[in-house]
N, C-alpha and C. Protein backbone atom coordinates (compact mmCIF):
# COMPACT_ATOMS: atom_id res chain seq x y z
N MET A 1 44.74 8.64 31.64
CA MET A 1 46.02 9.04 31.10
C MET A 1 47.10 8.09 31.60
N THR A 2 47.95 7.64 30.74
CA THR A 2 48.94 6.63 31.10
C THR A 2 50.06 7.23 31.92
N SER A 3 50.71 6.38 32.72
CA SER A 3 51.74 6.86 33.63
C SER A 3 52.95 7.41 32.90
N ASP A 4 53.24 6.94 31.67
CA ASP A 4 54.41 7.46 30.97
C ASP A 4 54.19 8.88 30.47
N LEU A 5 52.92 9.34 30.45
CA LEU A 5 52.62 10.70 30.05
C LEU A 5 52.35 11.61 31.25
N PHE A 6 52.03 11.02 32.38
CA PHE A 6 51.61 11.81 33.53
C PHE A 6 52.26 11.26 34.78
N ASP A 7 53.30 11.98 35.28
CA ASP A 7 53.98 11.59 36.51
C ASP A 7 53.25 12.27 37.67
N SER A 8 52.17 11.68 38.13
CA SER A 8 51.38 12.28 39.20
C SER A 8 52.06 12.05 40.54
N VAL A 9 52.17 13.13 41.32
CA VAL A 9 52.78 13.04 42.63
C VAL A 9 51.72 13.32 43.67
N PRO A 10 51.30 12.35 44.47
CA PRO A 10 50.22 12.57 45.44
C PRO A 10 50.63 13.53 46.54
N ASP A 11 49.62 14.16 47.15
CA ASP A 11 49.88 15.11 48.22
C ASP A 11 50.58 14.45 49.41
N THR A 12 50.48 13.15 49.53
CA THR A 12 51.09 12.45 50.66
C THR A 12 52.52 12.01 50.35
N GLY A 13 53.07 12.48 49.24
CA GLY A 13 54.42 12.09 48.82
C GLY A 13 55.48 12.71 49.72
N PRO A 14 56.75 12.50 49.37
CA PRO A 14 57.85 13.00 50.20
C PRO A 14 57.83 14.52 50.27
N ALA A 15 58.32 15.07 51.39
CA ALA A 15 58.32 16.52 51.58
C ALA A 15 59.28 17.20 50.61
N ARG A 16 60.30 16.48 50.17
CA ARG A 16 61.30 17.04 49.26
C ARG A 16 61.48 16.09 48.10
N GLU A 17 61.33 16.60 46.89
CA GLU A 17 61.45 15.75 45.72
C GLU A 17 62.43 16.34 44.72
N HIS A 18 63.37 15.53 44.27
CA HIS A 18 64.34 15.95 43.26
C HIS A 18 63.65 15.91 41.89
N MET A 19 63.68 17.05 41.18
CA MET A 19 63.06 17.14 39.86
C MET A 19 64.08 17.04 38.73
N ALA A 20 65.22 17.67 38.92
CA ALA A 20 66.31 17.68 37.96
C ALA A 20 67.51 18.26 38.69
N GLU A 21 68.67 18.26 38.05
CA GLU A 21 69.84 18.85 38.71
C GLU A 21 69.58 20.34 38.91
N GLY A 22 69.56 20.77 40.17
CA GLY A 22 69.29 22.16 40.49
C GLY A 22 67.82 22.48 40.68
N ALA A 23 66.95 21.49 40.58
CA ALA A 23 65.51 21.73 40.71
C ALA A 23 64.92 20.83 41.79
N VAL A 24 64.16 21.44 42.71
CA VAL A 24 63.62 20.72 43.87
C VAL A 24 62.16 21.14 44.09
N LEU A 25 61.34 20.17 44.42
CA LEU A 25 59.95 20.42 44.81
C LEU A 25 59.85 20.23 46.32
N LEU A 26 59.46 21.29 47.02
CA LEU A 26 59.33 21.26 48.48
C LEU A 26 57.84 21.25 48.82
N ARG A 27 57.34 20.08 49.16
CA ARG A 27 55.90 19.94 49.38
C ARG A 27 55.47 20.55 50.71
N GLY A 28 54.44 21.40 50.63
CA GLY A 28 53.88 22.01 51.84
C GLY A 28 54.76 23.04 52.50
N HIS A 29 55.82 23.46 51.82
CA HIS A 29 56.81 24.34 52.45
C HIS A 29 56.22 25.68 52.87
N ALA A 30 55.20 26.15 52.13
CA ALA A 30 54.63 27.47 52.44
C ALA A 30 53.42 27.39 53.37
N ARG A 31 52.97 26.20 53.71
CA ARG A 31 51.75 26.07 54.51
C ARG A 31 51.82 26.80 55.87
N PRO A 32 52.95 26.76 56.58
CA PRO A 32 52.98 27.45 57.88
C PRO A 32 52.74 28.95 57.78
N LEU A 33 52.96 29.54 56.61
CA LEU A 33 52.81 30.99 56.43
C LEU A 33 51.57 31.35 55.62
N GLU A 34 50.66 30.40 55.40
CA GLU A 34 49.57 30.63 54.46
C GLU A 34 48.71 31.84 54.84
N ASN A 35 48.41 32.03 56.11
CA ASN A 35 47.56 33.15 56.51
C ASN A 35 48.24 34.49 56.27
N GLU A 36 49.53 34.57 56.60
CA GLU A 36 50.29 35.80 56.36
C GLU A 36 50.40 36.09 54.86
N LEU A 37 50.64 35.05 54.08
CA LEU A 37 50.79 35.24 52.64
C LEU A 37 49.49 35.74 52.01
N ILE A 38 48.37 35.15 52.40
CA ILE A 38 47.09 35.53 51.80
C ILE A 38 46.68 36.93 52.23
N ALA A 39 46.91 37.28 53.49
CA ALA A 39 46.60 38.64 53.95
C ALA A 39 47.44 39.66 53.20
N ALA A 40 48.72 39.37 53.03
CA ALA A 40 49.60 40.29 52.29
C ALA A 40 49.18 40.38 50.83
N LEU A 41 48.76 39.26 50.27
CA LEU A 41 48.30 39.25 48.88
C LEU A 41 47.12 40.20 48.68
N HIS A 42 46.15 40.18 49.60
CA HIS A 42 44.99 41.06 49.48
C HIS A 42 45.43 42.53 49.49
N ASP A 43 46.42 42.87 50.32
CA ASP A 43 46.91 44.25 50.37
C ASP A 43 47.57 44.64 49.05
N ILE A 44 48.33 43.73 48.47
CA ILE A 44 49.01 44.01 47.21
C ILE A 44 48.00 44.25 46.09
N VAL A 45 47.01 43.37 46.01
CA VAL A 45 46.03 43.46 44.93
C VAL A 45 45.16 44.71 45.07
N ALA A 46 44.97 45.18 46.29
CA ALA A 46 44.22 46.42 46.49
C ALA A 46 44.97 47.61 45.90
N GLN A 47 46.29 47.54 45.90
CA GLN A 47 47.11 48.63 45.36
C GLN A 47 47.39 48.46 43.87
N ALA A 48 47.61 47.22 43.45
CA ALA A 48 47.94 46.92 42.05
C ALA A 48 47.09 45.74 41.62
N PRO A 49 45.87 45.99 41.14
CA PRO A 49 44.94 44.90 40.81
C PRO A 49 45.48 43.97 39.73
N PHE A 50 44.97 42.75 39.75
CA PHE A 50 45.29 41.80 38.70
C PHE A 50 44.82 42.34 37.36
N ARG A 51 45.61 42.04 36.30
CA ARG A 51 45.23 42.40 34.95
C ARG A 51 45.76 41.33 33.99
N ARG A 52 45.08 41.16 32.87
CA ARG A 52 45.51 40.20 31.86
C ARG A 52 46.36 40.94 30.84
N MET A 53 47.66 40.71 30.89
CA MET A 53 48.59 41.42 30.04
C MET A 53 48.56 40.88 28.61
N VAL A 54 49.10 41.66 27.69
CA VAL A 54 49.12 41.31 26.28
C VAL A 54 50.56 41.10 25.84
N THR A 55 50.83 40.02 25.14
CA THR A 55 52.18 39.70 24.67
C THR A 55 52.57 40.63 23.52
N PRO A 56 53.86 40.69 23.19
CA PRO A 56 54.28 41.52 22.05
C PRO A 56 53.58 41.13 20.75
N GLY A 57 53.15 39.88 20.63
CA GLY A 57 52.45 39.44 19.43
C GLY A 57 50.96 39.77 19.44
N GLY A 58 50.48 40.44 20.50
CA GLY A 58 49.08 40.84 20.56
C GLY A 58 48.15 39.84 21.20
N HIS A 59 48.69 38.79 21.82
CA HIS A 59 47.86 37.77 22.46
C HIS A 59 47.60 38.13 23.92
N GLN A 60 46.33 38.16 24.31
CA GLN A 60 46.00 38.41 25.71
C GLN A 60 46.18 37.12 26.51
N MET A 61 46.94 37.19 27.57
CA MET A 61 47.24 36.01 28.38
C MET A 61 45.99 35.58 29.15
N SER A 62 45.83 34.27 29.33
CA SER A 62 44.68 33.76 30.07
C SER A 62 44.87 33.90 31.57
N VAL A 63 46.12 34.10 32.00
CA VAL A 63 46.45 34.26 33.41
C VAL A 63 46.50 35.74 33.75
N ALA A 64 45.83 36.15 34.82
CA ALA A 64 45.89 37.54 35.29
C ALA A 64 47.13 37.71 36.17
N MET A 65 47.74 38.90 36.12
CA MET A 65 49.02 39.10 36.80
C MET A 65 49.07 40.43 37.52
N THR A 66 49.93 40.50 38.53
CA THR A 66 50.37 41.73 39.15
C THR A 66 51.75 41.47 39.75
N ASN A 67 52.31 42.45 40.43
CA ASN A 67 53.67 42.32 40.96
C ASN A 67 53.79 43.01 42.31
N CYS A 68 54.86 42.64 43.02
CA CYS A 68 55.28 43.41 44.18
C CYS A 68 56.79 43.36 44.25
N GLY A 69 57.37 44.33 44.95
CA GLY A 69 58.81 44.42 45.04
C GLY A 69 59.34 45.61 44.26
N PRO A 70 60.64 45.86 44.33
CA PRO A 70 61.24 47.00 43.62
C PRO A 70 61.01 46.97 42.12
N LEU A 71 60.92 45.76 41.54
CA LEU A 71 60.72 45.62 40.11
C LEU A 71 59.52 44.73 39.83
N GLY A 72 58.85 44.98 38.73
CA GLY A 72 57.73 44.15 38.32
C GLY A 72 57.84 43.77 36.86
N TRP A 73 57.47 42.52 36.56
CA TRP A 73 57.53 42.03 35.18
C TRP A 73 56.28 42.47 34.43
N THR A 74 56.47 42.90 33.19
CA THR A 74 55.33 43.30 32.38
C THR A 74 55.56 42.95 30.92
N THR A 75 54.49 42.92 30.17
CA THR A 75 54.57 42.65 28.74
C THR A 75 53.52 43.49 28.01
N ASP A 76 53.91 43.99 26.84
CA ASP A 76 53.00 44.70 25.95
C ASP A 76 53.63 44.69 24.56
N SER A 77 53.17 45.56 23.67
CA SER A 77 53.70 45.56 22.31
C SER A 77 55.17 45.91 22.25
N SER A 78 55.71 46.49 23.33
CA SER A 78 57.13 46.85 23.36
C SER A 78 58.03 45.69 23.76
N GLY A 79 57.45 44.62 24.27
CA GLY A 79 58.23 43.45 24.66
C GLY A 79 58.09 43.09 26.13
N TYR A 80 58.87 42.08 26.53
CA TYR A 80 58.89 41.62 27.92
C TYR A 80 59.99 42.39 28.65
N ARG A 81 59.72 42.81 29.88
CA ARG A 81 60.73 43.57 30.61
C ARG A 81 60.31 43.75 32.08
N TYR A 82 61.27 44.21 32.89
CA TYR A 82 61.01 44.60 34.27
C TYR A 82 60.97 46.13 34.36
N VAL A 83 60.01 46.64 35.13
CA VAL A 83 59.88 48.08 35.30
C VAL A 83 59.69 48.39 36.78
N GLN A 84 60.03 49.61 37.18
CA GLN A 84 59.92 50.01 38.57
C GLN A 84 58.50 50.43 38.95
N ASN A 85 57.75 50.94 37.99
CA ASN A 85 56.40 51.45 38.26
C ASN A 85 55.35 50.62 37.54
N ASP A 86 54.19 50.52 38.16
CA ASP A 86 53.05 49.85 37.56
C ASP A 86 52.58 50.67 36.35
N PRO A 87 52.60 50.11 35.14
CA PRO A 87 52.19 50.87 33.97
C PRO A 87 50.75 51.39 34.04
N GLU A 88 49.90 50.74 34.83
CA GLU A 88 48.50 51.16 34.89
C GLU A 88 48.26 52.32 35.85
N THR A 89 49.11 52.46 36.86
CA THR A 89 48.91 53.52 37.84
C THR A 89 50.03 54.57 37.81
N GLY A 90 51.18 54.20 37.25
CA GLY A 90 52.34 55.09 37.26
C GLY A 90 53.05 55.13 38.59
N LYS A 91 52.55 54.37 39.56
CA LYS A 91 53.14 54.35 40.90
C LYS A 91 54.07 53.14 41.05
N PRO A 92 55.00 53.21 42.01
CA PRO A 92 55.84 52.04 42.26
C PRO A 92 54.99 50.82 42.60
N TRP A 93 55.46 49.65 42.24
CA TRP A 93 54.76 48.43 42.63
C TRP A 93 54.71 48.35 44.16
N PRO A 94 53.71 47.70 44.73
CA PRO A 94 53.66 47.54 46.19
C PRO A 94 54.95 46.89 46.71
N ALA A 95 55.33 47.29 47.90
CA ALA A 95 56.54 46.72 48.52
C ALA A 95 56.36 45.22 48.73
N MET A 96 57.47 44.51 48.67
CA MET A 96 57.41 43.07 48.91
C MET A 96 57.23 42.81 50.41
N PRO A 97 56.17 42.14 50.81
CA PRO A 97 55.95 41.87 52.24
C PRO A 97 57.09 41.04 52.82
N PRO A 98 57.44 41.28 54.08
CA PRO A 98 58.50 40.50 54.72
C PRO A 98 58.25 38.99 54.65
N ALA A 99 56.98 38.57 54.80
CA ALA A 99 56.68 37.13 54.75
C ALA A 99 57.02 36.55 53.38
N PHE A 100 56.80 37.32 52.31
CA PHE A 100 57.14 36.86 50.97
C PHE A 100 58.65 36.66 50.85
N ALA A 101 59.40 37.71 51.21
CA ALA A 101 60.86 37.66 51.06
C ALA A 101 61.47 36.56 51.92
N GLN A 102 60.97 36.40 53.13
CA GLN A 102 61.51 35.37 54.03
C GLN A 102 61.24 33.97 53.49
N LEU A 103 60.04 33.76 52.97
CA LEU A 103 59.71 32.46 52.40
C LEU A 103 60.60 32.15 51.20
N ALA A 104 60.79 33.13 50.33
CA ALA A 104 61.62 32.91 49.14
C ALA A 104 63.06 32.58 49.53
N GLU A 105 63.59 33.31 50.48
CA GLU A 105 64.97 33.07 50.92
C GLU A 105 65.09 31.69 51.57
N ARG A 106 64.13 31.35 52.40
CA ARG A 106 64.18 30.06 53.11
C ARG A 106 64.04 28.88 52.15
N ALA A 107 63.14 29.02 51.17
CA ALA A 107 62.95 27.94 50.20
C ALA A 107 64.19 27.77 49.32
N ALA A 108 64.76 28.89 48.90
CA ALA A 108 65.98 28.82 48.07
C ALA A 108 67.10 28.13 48.84
N ALA A 109 67.26 28.49 50.11
CA ALA A 109 68.31 27.87 50.92
C ALA A 109 68.07 26.37 51.09
N ALA A 110 66.80 25.99 51.26
CA ALA A 110 66.47 24.57 51.40
C ALA A 110 66.81 23.79 50.14
N ALA A 111 66.80 24.48 49.00
CA ALA A 111 67.13 23.83 47.72
C ALA A 111 68.61 23.94 47.39
N GLY A 112 69.39 24.56 48.29
CA GLY A 112 70.83 24.64 48.07
C GLY A 112 71.32 25.95 47.51
N PHE A 113 70.43 26.97 47.44
CA PHE A 113 70.82 28.28 46.91
C PHE A 113 70.78 29.29 48.06
N ASN A 114 71.93 29.59 48.62
CA ASN A 114 72.00 30.46 49.78
C ASN A 114 72.02 31.93 49.36
N GLU A 115 71.59 32.78 50.30
CA GLU A 115 71.64 34.23 50.14
C GLU A 115 70.86 34.72 48.92
N PHE A 116 69.70 34.13 48.70
CA PHE A 116 68.82 34.58 47.62
C PHE A 116 67.99 35.76 48.14
N ALA A 117 68.09 36.90 47.48
CA ALA A 117 67.35 38.09 47.88
C ALA A 117 66.56 38.58 46.67
N PRO A 118 65.30 38.17 46.51
CA PRO A 118 64.53 38.55 45.33
C PRO A 118 64.22 40.04 45.31
N ASP A 119 64.25 40.62 44.11
CA ASP A 119 63.85 42.02 43.96
C ASP A 119 62.57 42.13 43.12
N ALA A 120 61.96 40.99 42.80
CA ALA A 120 60.73 40.99 42.03
C ALA A 120 59.91 39.76 42.41
N CYS A 121 58.60 39.96 42.52
CA CYS A 121 57.67 38.85 42.72
C CYS A 121 56.52 39.02 41.76
N LEU A 122 56.49 38.18 40.74
CA LEU A 122 55.38 38.15 39.80
C LEU A 122 54.28 37.28 40.40
N ILE A 123 53.07 37.83 40.48
CA ILE A 123 51.95 37.13 41.09
C ILE A 123 50.96 36.78 39.99
N ASN A 124 50.73 35.49 39.79
CA ASN A 124 49.81 35.01 38.76
C ASN A 124 48.52 34.51 39.39
N CYS A 125 47.39 34.83 38.77
CA CYS A 125 46.10 34.35 39.22
C CYS A 125 45.49 33.50 38.12
N TYR A 126 45.35 32.21 38.39
CA TYR A 126 44.76 31.26 37.45
C TYR A 126 43.32 30.99 37.85
N GLU A 127 42.39 31.16 36.93
CA GLU A 127 41.03 30.71 37.12
C GLU A 127 40.83 29.46 36.28
N PRO A 128 39.79 28.67 36.53
CA PRO A 128 39.62 27.43 35.77
C PRO A 128 39.74 27.66 34.25
N GLY A 129 40.57 26.83 33.63
CA GLY A 129 40.81 26.93 32.20
C GLY A 129 42.05 27.71 31.83
N ALA A 130 42.55 28.56 32.73
CA ALA A 130 43.75 29.33 32.45
C ALA A 130 44.97 28.42 32.41
N ARG A 131 45.93 28.79 31.59
CA ARG A 131 47.14 27.98 31.43
C ARG A 131 48.33 28.88 31.17
N MET A 132 49.52 28.29 31.25
CA MET A 132 50.74 29.01 30.92
C MET A 132 51.54 28.12 29.97
N SER A 133 51.78 28.61 28.76
CA SER A 133 52.50 27.81 27.77
C SER A 133 53.96 27.67 28.17
N LEU A 134 54.63 26.69 27.59
CA LEU A 134 56.04 26.46 27.90
C LEU A 134 56.87 27.70 27.58
N HIS A 135 57.71 28.07 28.51
CA HIS A 135 58.55 29.26 28.33
C HIS A 135 59.77 29.15 29.23
N GLN A 136 60.74 30.01 28.99
CA GLN A 136 61.91 30.14 29.86
C GLN A 136 61.82 31.48 30.58
N ASP A 137 62.32 31.54 31.81
CA ASP A 137 62.44 32.82 32.52
C ASP A 137 63.83 33.37 32.19
N ARG A 138 63.89 34.27 31.19
CA ARG A 138 65.18 34.76 30.74
C ARG A 138 65.21 36.28 30.56
N ASP A 139 64.27 36.98 31.23
CA ASP A 139 64.29 38.44 31.17
C ASP A 139 65.11 39.04 32.30
N GLU A 140 65.69 38.19 33.15
CA GLU A 140 66.52 38.65 34.25
C GLU A 140 67.95 38.86 33.76
N GLN A 141 68.70 39.70 34.47
CA GLN A 141 70.07 39.98 34.06
C GLN A 141 71.06 38.94 34.57
N ASP A 142 70.70 38.25 35.65
CA ASP A 142 71.62 37.31 36.28
C ASP A 142 70.97 35.95 36.39
N PHE A 143 71.45 34.99 35.59
CA PHE A 143 70.90 33.64 35.62
C PHE A 143 71.53 32.77 36.71
N ASP A 144 72.42 33.36 37.52
CA ASP A 144 73.03 32.60 38.61
C ASP A 144 72.07 32.42 39.78
N LYS A 145 71.03 33.25 39.84
CA LYS A 145 70.08 33.16 40.93
C LYS A 145 68.90 32.27 40.53
N PRO A 146 68.33 31.54 41.48
CA PRO A 146 67.25 30.60 41.15
C PRO A 146 65.90 31.30 40.98
N ILE A 147 64.93 30.54 40.52
CA ILE A 147 63.53 30.94 40.52
C ILE A 147 62.85 30.19 41.67
N VAL A 148 62.04 30.90 42.45
CA VAL A 148 61.28 30.28 43.54
C VAL A 148 59.81 30.49 43.24
N SER A 149 59.06 29.40 43.12
CA SER A 149 57.65 29.46 42.71
C SER A 149 56.77 28.82 43.79
N VAL A 150 55.83 29.60 44.31
CA VAL A 150 54.96 29.17 45.42
C VAL A 150 53.53 28.99 44.91
N SER A 151 52.92 27.86 45.21
CA SER A 151 51.55 27.57 44.79
C SER A 151 50.59 27.74 45.96
N LEU A 152 49.50 28.48 45.72
CA LEU A 152 48.45 28.66 46.72
C LEU A 152 47.10 28.44 46.04
N GLY A 153 46.16 27.86 46.76
CA GLY A 153 44.83 27.67 46.21
C GLY A 153 44.67 26.34 45.50
N LEU A 154 43.93 26.33 44.40
CA LEU A 154 43.64 25.09 43.67
C LEU A 154 44.90 24.40 43.19
N PRO A 155 44.89 23.07 43.13
CA PRO A 155 46.04 22.34 42.60
C PRO A 155 46.20 22.57 41.11
N ALA A 156 47.43 22.43 40.64
CA ALA A 156 47.72 22.62 39.22
C ALA A 156 48.73 21.59 38.77
N ILE A 157 48.78 21.37 37.45
CA ILE A 157 49.77 20.48 36.86
C ILE A 157 50.90 21.33 36.29
N PHE A 158 52.07 21.21 36.89
CA PHE A 158 53.26 21.96 36.49
C PHE A 158 54.05 21.13 35.49
N LEU A 159 54.37 21.74 34.35
CA LEU A 159 55.12 21.08 33.30
C LEU A 159 56.57 21.53 33.38
N PHE A 160 57.49 20.58 33.45
CA PHE A 160 58.91 20.92 33.60
C PHE A 160 59.70 20.15 32.58
N GLY A 161 60.35 20.88 31.66
CA GLY A 161 61.05 20.25 30.55
C GLY A 161 62.55 20.35 30.64
N GLY A 162 63.17 20.83 29.55
CA GLY A 162 64.61 20.94 29.48
C GLY A 162 65.02 22.24 28.82
N LEU A 163 66.23 22.28 28.32
CA LEU A 163 66.75 23.51 27.74
C LEU A 163 66.17 23.82 26.37
N LYS A 164 65.53 22.84 25.74
CA LYS A 164 64.88 23.06 24.45
C LYS A 164 63.38 22.88 24.60
N ARG A 165 62.63 23.68 23.86
CA ARG A 165 61.17 23.59 23.95
C ARG A 165 60.67 22.19 23.59
N SER A 166 61.43 21.53 22.71
CA SER A 166 61.01 20.20 22.24
C SER A 166 61.36 19.09 23.22
N ASP A 167 62.11 19.39 24.28
CA ASP A 167 62.46 18.36 25.26
C ASP A 167 61.21 17.83 25.96
N LYS A 168 61.24 16.56 26.31
CA LYS A 168 60.11 15.95 27.00
C LYS A 168 59.86 16.63 28.33
N THR A 169 58.60 16.87 28.64
CA THR A 169 58.25 17.48 29.92
C THR A 169 57.76 16.42 30.90
N ARG A 170 58.06 16.65 32.16
CA ARG A 170 57.48 15.87 33.24
C ARG A 170 56.35 16.69 33.85
N ARG A 171 55.40 15.99 34.44
CA ARG A 171 54.21 16.64 34.98
C ARG A 171 54.16 16.41 36.49
N PHE A 172 54.02 17.49 37.23
CA PHE A 172 53.98 17.42 38.69
C PHE A 172 52.71 18.09 39.18
N ARG A 173 51.98 17.41 40.04
CA ARG A 173 50.78 18.01 40.63
C ARG A 173 51.21 18.86 41.82
N LEU A 174 50.94 20.17 41.72
CA LEU A 174 51.29 21.10 42.79
C LEU A 174 50.05 21.45 43.59
N ALA A 175 50.13 21.24 44.89
CA ALA A 175 49.01 21.54 45.79
C ALA A 175 49.30 22.82 46.57
N HIS A 176 48.30 23.28 47.28
CA HIS A 176 48.41 24.48 48.11
C HIS A 176 49.60 24.37 49.06
N GLY A 177 50.50 25.35 49.00
CA GLY A 177 51.65 25.38 49.88
C GLY A 177 52.91 24.77 49.31
N ASP A 178 52.82 24.12 48.15
CA ASP A 178 54.01 23.54 47.54
C ASP A 178 54.89 24.63 46.94
N VAL A 179 56.20 24.41 46.98
CA VAL A 179 57.17 25.38 46.45
C VAL A 179 58.14 24.65 45.52
N VAL A 180 58.34 25.20 44.33
CA VAL A 180 59.32 24.66 43.39
C VAL A 180 60.47 25.66 43.27
N VAL A 181 61.68 25.16 43.36
CA VAL A 181 62.88 26.00 43.20
C VAL A 181 63.73 25.39 42.10
N TRP A 182 64.12 26.20 41.13
CA TRP A 182 65.04 25.69 40.11
C TRP A 182 66.09 26.74 39.77
N GLY A 183 67.32 26.27 39.62
CA GLY A 183 68.45 27.14 39.31
C GLY A 183 69.62 26.31 38.84
N GLY A 184 70.80 26.91 38.79
CA GLY A 184 71.98 26.17 38.33
C GLY A 184 71.76 25.59 36.95
N PRO A 185 72.02 24.29 36.75
CA PRO A 185 71.88 23.68 35.43
C PRO A 185 70.46 23.73 34.86
N SER A 186 69.46 23.84 35.72
CA SER A 186 68.07 23.85 35.25
C SER A 186 67.44 25.24 35.23
N ARG A 187 68.25 26.27 35.47
CA ARG A 187 67.70 27.64 35.57
C ARG A 187 66.92 28.06 34.33
N LEU A 188 67.35 27.64 33.14
CA LEU A 188 66.68 28.04 31.91
C LEU A 188 65.84 26.92 31.30
N PHE A 189 65.44 25.97 32.12
CA PHE A 189 64.56 24.91 31.63
C PHE A 189 63.19 25.49 31.26
N PHE A 190 62.62 24.97 30.18
CA PHE A 190 61.26 25.34 29.80
C PHE A 190 60.28 24.78 30.83
N HIS A 191 59.24 25.56 31.11
CA HIS A 191 58.24 25.13 32.09
C HIS A 191 56.92 25.82 31.77
N GLY A 192 55.84 25.29 32.32
CA GLY A 192 54.52 25.86 32.08
C GLY A 192 53.50 25.24 33.01
N VAL A 193 52.24 25.59 32.80
CA VAL A 193 51.15 25.08 33.62
C VAL A 193 50.01 24.64 32.70
N ALA A 194 49.54 23.41 32.89
CA ALA A 194 48.42 22.89 32.11
C ALA A 194 47.14 23.63 32.48
N PRO A 195 46.11 23.62 31.63
CA PRO A 195 44.86 24.30 31.95
C PRO A 195 44.35 23.91 33.34
N LEU A 196 44.01 24.90 34.12
CA LEU A 196 43.60 24.67 35.51
C LEU A 196 42.23 24.01 35.56
N ALA A 197 42.15 22.92 36.30
CA ALA A 197 40.86 22.24 36.50
C ALA A 197 40.00 23.03 37.48
N ASP A 198 38.70 22.94 37.32
CA ASP A 198 37.78 23.66 38.20
C ASP A 198 37.78 23.01 39.59
N GLY A 199 37.43 23.80 40.56
CA GLY A 199 37.39 23.31 41.93
C GLY A 199 37.13 24.46 42.88
N GLU A 200 37.15 24.18 44.15
CA GLU A 200 36.90 25.19 45.19
C GLU A 200 37.91 24.98 46.31
N HIS A 201 38.77 25.98 46.53
CA HIS A 201 39.72 25.89 47.63
C HIS A 201 39.15 26.60 48.85
N VAL A 202 39.36 26.02 50.02
CA VAL A 202 38.74 26.52 51.23
C VAL A 202 39.16 27.95 51.56
N LEU A 203 40.38 28.35 51.17
CA LEU A 203 40.86 29.69 51.49
C LEU A 203 40.79 30.66 50.33
N LEU A 204 40.93 30.16 49.10
CA LEU A 204 41.05 31.05 47.95
C LEU A 204 39.97 30.85 46.90
N GLY A 205 39.03 29.95 47.14
CA GLY A 205 37.93 29.77 46.21
C GLY A 205 38.36 29.12 44.90
N ARG A 206 37.77 29.58 43.78
CA ARG A 206 37.98 28.96 42.47
C ARG A 206 39.17 29.60 41.74
N GLN A 207 40.33 29.53 42.38
CA GLN A 207 41.52 30.11 41.75
C GLN A 207 42.79 29.50 42.32
N ARG A 208 43.84 29.66 41.56
CA ARG A 208 45.18 29.31 42.01
C ARG A 208 46.04 30.56 41.94
N ILE A 209 46.75 30.85 43.01
CA ILE A 209 47.69 31.97 43.04
C ILE A 209 49.11 31.42 43.02
N ASN A 210 49.93 31.98 42.17
CA ASN A 210 51.32 31.57 42.05
C ASN A 210 52.22 32.77 42.31
N LEU A 211 53.07 32.67 43.32
CA LEU A 211 54.06 33.70 43.63
C LEU A 211 55.39 33.26 43.03
N THR A 212 55.92 34.04 42.10
CA THR A 212 57.18 33.67 41.45
C THR A 212 58.24 34.71 41.77
N PHE A 213 59.23 34.29 42.57
CA PHE A 213 60.28 35.21 43.02
C PHE A 213 61.49 35.10 42.12
N ARG A 214 62.02 36.28 41.73
CA ARG A 214 63.20 36.32 40.88
C ARG A 214 64.18 37.39 41.38
N ARG A 215 65.42 37.26 40.97
CA ARG A 215 66.39 38.32 41.11
C ARG A 215 66.58 38.88 39.72
N ALA A 216 65.94 40.02 39.44
CA ALA A 216 65.90 40.55 38.08
C ALA A 216 67.16 41.33 37.71
N ARG A 217 67.74 42.03 38.70
CA ARG A 217 68.92 42.86 38.41
C ARG A 217 69.97 42.70 39.49
């Protein structure tokens, strides 16, 4: 693949990379907390298992999802929205672990967004072949707050575009522990994930876990 189509960023690259105005890639930022994050993740999934949600158009997503925090993102024939209770159990979503909230706040501050207090964490589980099509995160009520996205497990190719779906996307290789923060002028940029390549991660096996922190309300 030619370099003009694929901006590959090696794992040995700079710890902080400017992606766009308001968007920053913090390499390895979550690594010091990896054990706490993974232990907390297992507790969350035990309470609210991963499930493959269905879009309003009837398409089953290739990525399995769950949530933690006061609010959780969901999709079905009624549309995209945030809800307080897990639709599958009727119970509140698992509480957001302190390590999750602290990481999100610290990463947001490192990217220039102070006092970020997420009330929702969408947790995505990618298995080989799973992908996320280009989309905007616009189901939140306040676009002044950034999105904080944490990568764990297998590496993935993150697609980051512009305010229009047709805008050219850049491609960033995200490794275990990398964190992407985008807000301000880039808060509504289209983004997605290319089909996940197969592999084996020493801690998480044949999967990639993505923690996406938002301020929904």
